[in-house]
Amino acid sequence: KFELCTIRNTPRIAEHCIAYALILLWPRLKSMKSHKEYDMVQKKNKKKKELSGADTKSMELEEEEDGEEEEEASDSKMLPNGVKLDKDNPEHMTWVYERAKERAKEYNIEGVTYNLTMQFVKNIIPAIASTNALISAACTNEAIKYLTFSAPIMDGYFFYNGQGGAYARTFAYEKNPDCFTCGTHNLNVALKTGGTIGELKRDLEKKYKLEIKAFFTTESKTLWNRFSSSEVLNTKLSEAVPKTGAKIIMMAKNEGAAKPSKFTLSIRFE
């Protein structure tokens, strides 16, 4: 993005010329058969009031500034019957390129090319091609190692640095046992058919040395949380979880642990 005053009055680089053709000239394009045959709306001539002395110069400056602002506002809006820019249309891109070349020639600026015009208009980043090539090479390398057993395969992480040469390293991420998403602990719990939620809570605290911190919940509903009344603990688990082997999720803290973890309980009624 460049300032309009720079694009309009003092272009210095090739991108300024392309921006001039795209932002200021294209909206004035009324019709186009090809990049050589087209019709544009002409600019309106500015009118100046006749005054004398210093007032004349100041008034002329003000009118010129106002005229540029009005012209910029009108240029930034597409005409009702204008040509809609299609960035995938070669004729449209060639038109922008040719007008940018004319602008560059007027100010003796070099470097305006069709590829640069495409990159500017479509916001193409040249690094994408090299990035895809690096990823493809890394995938091919891993496939060869997997098929031939010629080297250990990548485990978890791959880093490539090609700024000052070619350097790559790989290492395995250690799993965080306390991660709420992937650090789940699984427990198989046997419970009597008439067992209650309170009995399950006490058994877990006594047998597994767990401190139940927050809740018991299934995929569809909450069985108990720390704000529940004491009556909830007397609810039969077979009524709350009628299906044998159903999963119950809870938050609990192991003895000596700094923070609670997520546990998944598989209930089996006896």
Protein backbone atom coordinates (compact mmCIF):
# COMPACT_ATOMS: atom_id res chain seq x y z
CA LYS A 1 0.00 0.00 0.00
CA PHE A 2 1.29 3.42 -0.98
CA GLU A 3 0.12 6.98 -0.36
CA LEU A 4 -2.03 8.38 -3.18
CA CYS A 5 0.06 11.55 -3.35
CA THR A 6 3.17 9.45 -4.04
CA ILE A 7 1.44 7.32 -6.67
CA ARG A 8 -0.04 10.37 -8.41
CA ASN A 9 2.76 12.92 -8.23
CA THR A 10 6.15 11.42 -7.31
CA PRO A 11 6.48 7.76 -8.34
CA ARG A 12 9.94 6.39 -7.58
CA ILE A 13 9.73 2.61 -8.01
CA ALA A 14 8.06 0.17 -10.40
CA GLU A 15 5.34 -0.69 -7.88
CA HIS A 16 4.23 2.97 -7.79
CA CYS A 17 3.61 2.84 -11.54
CA ILE A 18 1.63 -0.40 -11.27
CA ALA A 19 -0.41 1.05 -8.40
CA TYR A 20 -1.14 4.14 -10.53
CA ALA A 21 -2.49 2.01 -13.36
CA LEU A 22 -4.51 -0.20 -11.01
CA ILE A 23 -5.91 2.33 -8.54
CA LEU A 24 -6.20 5.53 -10.56
CA LEU A 25 -6.51 4.50 -14.22
CA TRP A 26 -8.52 1.26 -14.14
CA PRO A 27 -11.60 2.81 -12.44
CA ARG A 28 -11.81 5.31 -15.37
CA LEU A 29 -11.95 2.47 -17.90
CA LYS A 30 -15.39 2.62 -19.54
CA SER A 31 -15.04 -0.28 -22.00
CA MET A 32 -12.31 -2.55 -23.33
CA LYS A 33 -12.12 -4.85 -26.35
CA SER A 34 -8.45 -5.62 -25.78
CA HIS A 35 -5.49 -4.09 -23.98
CA LYS A 36 -4.95 -1.92 -27.09
CA GLU A 37 -8.58 -1.05 -27.86
CA TYR A 38 -10.33 0.60 -24.91
CA ASP A 39 -12.29 3.69 -23.95
CA MET A 40 -11.64 5.77 -20.84
CA VAL A 41 -13.51 8.60 -19.15
CA GLN A 42 -11.54 11.83 -19.47
CA LYS A 43 -10.71 14.00 -16.48
CA LYS A 44 -12.68 17.20 -15.97
CA ASN A 45 -10.77 20.47 -16.36
CA LYS A 46 -10.33 22.49 -13.21
CA LYS A 47 -11.77 26.02 -13.09
CA LYS A 48 -10.01 28.80 -11.20
CA LYS A 49 -11.47 32.06 -9.99
CA GLU A 50 -9.79 35.32 -11.05
CA LEU A 51 -8.37 37.24 -8.09
CA SER A 52 -5.45 39.60 -7.72
CA GLY A 53 -2.22 39.55 -5.73
CA ALA A 54 -1.44 36.99 -3.03
CA ASP A 55 -5.11 36.01 -2.77
CA THR A 56 -4.89 34.59 -6.30
CA LYS A 57 -2.04 32.23 -5.45
CA SER A 58 -3.63 31.03 -2.21
CA MET A 59 -7.00 30.50 -3.89
CA GLU A 60 -5.40 28.60 -6.76
CA LEU A 61 -3.58 26.32 -4.30
CA GLU A 62 -6.77 25.60 -2.37
CA GLU A 63 -8.70 24.87 -5.57
CA GLU A 64 -5.96 22.55 -6.82
CA GLU A 65 -5.96 20.62 -3.54
CA ASP A 66 -9.76 20.40 -3.55
CA GLY A 67 -9.68 19.28 -7.18
CA GLU A 68 -7.17 16.51 -6.42
CA GLU A 69 -9.29 15.26 -3.50
CA GLU A 70 -12.42 15.19 -5.67
CA GLU A 71 -10.51 13.47 -8.45
CA GLU A 72 -9.11 10.85 -6.06
CA ALA A 73 -12.60 10.21 -4.69
CA SER A 74 -14.03 9.76 -8.17
CA ASP A 75 -11.09 7.60 -9.31
CA SER A 76 -11.46 5.25 -6.36
CA LYS A 77 -15.04 4.38 -7.35
CA MET A 78 -15.80 2.19 -10.35
CA LEU A 79 -18.07 3.66 -12.99
CA PRO A 80 -21.62 2.21 -13.11
CA ASN A 81 -20.94 0.80 -16.60
CA GLY A 82 -17.20 0.34 -16.12
CA VAL A 83 -15.12 -2.78 -16.56
CA LYS A 84 -14.84 -5.07 -13.56
CA LEU A 85 -11.27 -6.18 -12.97
CA ASP A 86 -10.71 -9.91 -13.41
CA LYS A 87 -7.30 -10.76 -11.99
CA ASP A 88 -7.29 -14.08 -13.84
CA ASN A 89 -7.97 -12.48 -17.22
CA PRO A 90 -4.71 -12.08 -19.23
CA GLU A 91 -6.17 -9.12 -21.18
CA HIS A 92 -6.93 -7.24 -17.98
CA MET A 93 -3.51 -7.94 -16.53
CA THR A 94 -1.83 -6.93 -19.79
CA TRP A 95 -3.79 -3.65 -19.80
CA VAL A 96 -2.57 -2.80 -16.29
CA TYR A 97 0.96 -3.80 -17.30
CA GLU A 98 0.97 -1.62 -20.43
CA ARG A 99 -0.37 1.42 -18.59
CA ALA A 100 2.21 0.89 -15.84
CA LYS A 101 4.96 0.75 -18.50
CA GLU A 102 3.76 4.03 -19.96
CA ARG A 103 3.83 5.61 -16.52
CA ALA A 104 7.31 4.23 -15.83
CA LYS A 105 8.63 5.53 -19.15
CA GLU A 106 7.29 9.01 -18.35
CA TYR A 107 9.33 9.10 -15.12
CA ASN A 108 12.34 7.05 -16.34
CA ILE A 109 11.63 4.20 -13.92
CA GLU A 110 12.84 0.70 -14.71
CA GLY A 111 11.68 -2.69 -13.49
CA VAL A 112 8.03 -2.84 -14.58
CA THR A 113 7.44 -6.40 -15.81
CA TYR A 114 4.38 -8.56 -16.40
CA ASN A 115 5.38 -10.89 -13.56
CA LEU A 116 5.78 -7.98 -11.14
CA THR A 117 2.39 -6.67 -12.23
CA MET A 118 0.81 -10.05 -11.49
CA GLN A 119 2.53 -10.22 -8.11
CA PHE A 120 1.36 -6.73 -7.16
CA VAL A 121 -2.25 -7.01 -8.39
CA LYS A 122 -2.85 -10.55 -7.11
CA ASN A 123 -0.69 -10.13 -3.99
CA ILE A 124 1.46 -13.12 -4.91
CA ILE A 125 4.35 -13.89 -2.56
CA PRO A 126 7.29 -15.39 -4.49
CA ALA A 127 8.38 -17.39 -1.43
CA ILE A 128 5.36 -19.70 -1.80
CA ALA A 129 7.01 -21.65 -4.62
CA SER A 130 10.18 -22.30 -2.63
CA THR A 131 8.17 -23.21 0.47
CA ASN A 132 6.17 -25.79 -1.46
CA ALA A 133 9.38 -27.19 -2.93
CA LEU A 134 10.93 -27.57 0.53
CA ILE A 135 7.84 -29.29 1.93
CA SER A 136 7.69 -31.65 -1.06
CA ALA A 137 11.37 -32.52 -0.64
CA ALA A 138 10.91 -33.19 3.07
CA CYS A 139 7.87 -35.44 2.42
CA THR A 140 9.75 -37.33 -0.31
CA ASN A 141 12.70 -37.80 2.02
CA GLU A 142 10.45 -39.23 4.75
CA ALA A 143 8.72 -41.54 2.26
CA ILE A 144 12.08 -42.93 1.10
CA LYS A 145 13.18 -43.52 4.70
CA TYR A 146 9.88 -45.20 5.49
CA LEU A 147 10.09 -47.54 2.49
CA THR A 148 13.79 -48.40 2.63
CA PHE A 149 14.46 -48.26 6.41
CA SER A 150 17.63 -46.33 5.52
CA ALA A 151 17.31 -43.90 8.45
CA PRO A 152 15.02 -43.13 11.39
CA ILE A 153 11.82 -41.42 10.33
CA MET A 154 10.85 -37.98 11.58
CA ASP A 155 9.27 -37.99 15.02
CA GLY A 156 7.11 -34.99 15.80
CA TYR A 157 8.98 -31.92 14.55
CA PHE A 158 11.10 -30.78 11.59
CA PHE A 159 12.90 -27.44 11.34
CA TYR A 160 14.58 -26.04 8.21
CA ASN A 161 16.79 -22.96 8.00
CA GLY A 162 18.05 -21.92 4.57
CA GLN A 163 19.00 -18.29 5.07
CA GLY A 164 22.75 -18.78 5.49
CA GLY A 165 23.03 -22.29 4.05
CA ALA A 166 21.04 -25.47 4.50
CA TYR A 167 20.39 -26.73 8.01
CA ALA A 168 17.67 -29.03 9.30
CA ARG A 169 17.00 -30.69 12.62
CA THR A 170 14.26 -32.79 14.12
CA PHE A 171 13.22 -33.71 17.63
CA ALA A 172 10.26 -35.33 19.37
CA TYR A 173 7.88 -33.27 21.46
CA GLU A 174 7.40 -34.71 24.92
CA LYS A 175 3.80 -35.32 25.87
CA ASN A 176 2.57 -33.28 28.81
CA PRO A 177 0.83 -35.71 31.15
CA ASP A 178 -1.16 -32.84 32.66
CA CYS A 179 -2.49 -31.58 29.32
CA PHE A 180 -6.28 -31.32 29.49
CA THR A 181 -6.70 -32.51 25.88
CA CYS A 182 -4.13 -35.24 25.30
CA GLY A 183 -2.92 -35.94 28.85
CA THR A 184 -6.03 -37.87 29.91
CA HIS A 185 -5.62 -40.67 32.44
CA ASN A 186 -7.78 -43.76 31.92
CA LEU A 187 -9.21 -45.77 34.82
CA ASN A 188 -11.33 -48.94 34.80
CA VAL A 189 -13.63 -48.91 37.81
CA ALA A 190 -15.83 -51.77 39.05
CA LEU A 191 -18.92 -50.69 41.00
CA LYS A 192 -21.86 -52.46 42.59
CA THR A 193 -25.14 -52.20 40.76
CA GLY A 194 -26.68 -50.10 43.51
CA GLY A 195 -23.61 -47.89 43.95
CA THR A 196 -24.10 -44.14 44.15
CA ILE A 197 -22.15 -41.21 42.82
CA GLY A 198 -20.97 -40.46 46.35
CA GLU A 199 -19.62 -44.02 46.76
CA LEU A 200 -17.75 -43.73 43.47
CA LYS A 201 -16.23 -40.46 44.65
CA ARG A 202 -15.13 -41.94 47.98
CA ASP A 203 -13.70 -45.10 46.32
CA LEU A 204 -11.62 -43.04 43.94
CA GLU A 205 -10.30 -40.85 46.72
CA LYS A 206 -9.44 -43.85 48.93
CA LYS A 207 -8.20 -46.42 46.39
CA TYR A 208 -6.43 -44.19 43.87
CA LYS A 209 -5.46 -41.38 46.28
CA LEU A 210 -7.27 -38.82 44.13
CA GLU A 211 -8.62 -35.48 45.20
CA ILE A 212 -11.81 -34.87 43.22
CA LYS A 213 -11.67 -31.17 42.42
CA ALA A 214 -14.45 -30.20 40.05
CA PHE A 215 -16.98 -32.52 38.43
CA PHE A 216 -18.26 -35.85 37.12
CA THR A 217 -19.69 -35.58 33.63
CA THR A 218 -20.69 -37.74 30.69
CA GLU A 219 -20.85 -36.75 27.03
CA SER A 220 -24.42 -35.53 27.47
CA LYS A 221 -24.83 -34.27 31.04
CA THR A 222 -23.14 -33.34 34.31
CA LEU A 223 -23.55 -35.89 37.10
CA TRP A 224 -21.96 -33.87 39.87
CA ASN A 225 -19.95 -30.72 40.44
CA ARG A 226 -18.63 -28.95 43.51
CA PHE A 227 -21.69 -26.70 43.62
CA SER A 228 -24.16 -29.61 43.62
CA SER A 229 -26.26 -30.37 46.69
CA SER A 230 -25.50 -33.39 48.89
CA GLU A 231 -28.60 -35.15 47.53
CA VAL A 232 -26.90 -35.52 44.15
CA LEU A 233 -24.24 -37.77 45.74
CA ASN A 234 -27.00 -40.20 46.75
CA THR A 235 -28.09 -40.71 43.13
CA LYS A 236 -27.61 -44.29 41.93
CA LEU A 237 -24.97 -44.42 39.25
CA SER A 238 -26.91 -47.09 37.33
CA GLU A 239 -29.75 -44.59 36.93
CA ALA A 240 -27.44 -41.76 35.88
CA VAL A 241 -25.31 -43.98 33.62
CA PRO A 242 -27.47 -46.96 32.62
CA LYS A 243 -25.11 -48.31 30.01
CA THR A 244 -22.28 -50.57 31.16
CA GLY A 245 -18.93 -49.32 29.93
CA ALA A 246 -20.06 -45.72 29.66
CA LYS A 247 -17.38 -43.08 29.94
CA ILE A 248 -17.31 -40.60 32.81
CA ILE A 249 -14.95 -37.65 32.72
CA MET A 250 -13.74 -35.95 35.86
CA MET A 251 -11.16 -33.47 37.08
CA ALA A 252 -8.99 -34.75 39.91
CA LYS A 253 -5.56 -34.19 41.41
CA ASN A 254 -3.10 -36.98 42.07
CA GLU A 255 -1.49 -37.12 45.48
CA GLY A 256 1.45 -34.71 45.47
CA ALA A 257 0.53 -33.19 42.08
CA ALA A 258 0.59 -29.41 41.69
CA LYS A 259 -2.55 -29.15 39.57
CA PRO A 260 -5.53 -31.32 38.61
CA SER A 261 -5.70 -33.50 35.50
CA LYS A 262 -8.47 -34.97 33.40
CA PHE A 263 -9.46 -38.60 34.02
CA THR A 264 -11.68 -40.86 31.93
CA LEU A 265 -13.49 -43.56 33.91
CA SER A 266 -14.83 -46.75 32.36
CA ILE A 267 -17.58 -47.97 34.70
CA ARG A 268 -18.34 -51.67 35.00
CA PHE A 269 -21.26 -52.77 37.19
CA GLU A 270 -20.97 -56.04 39.16
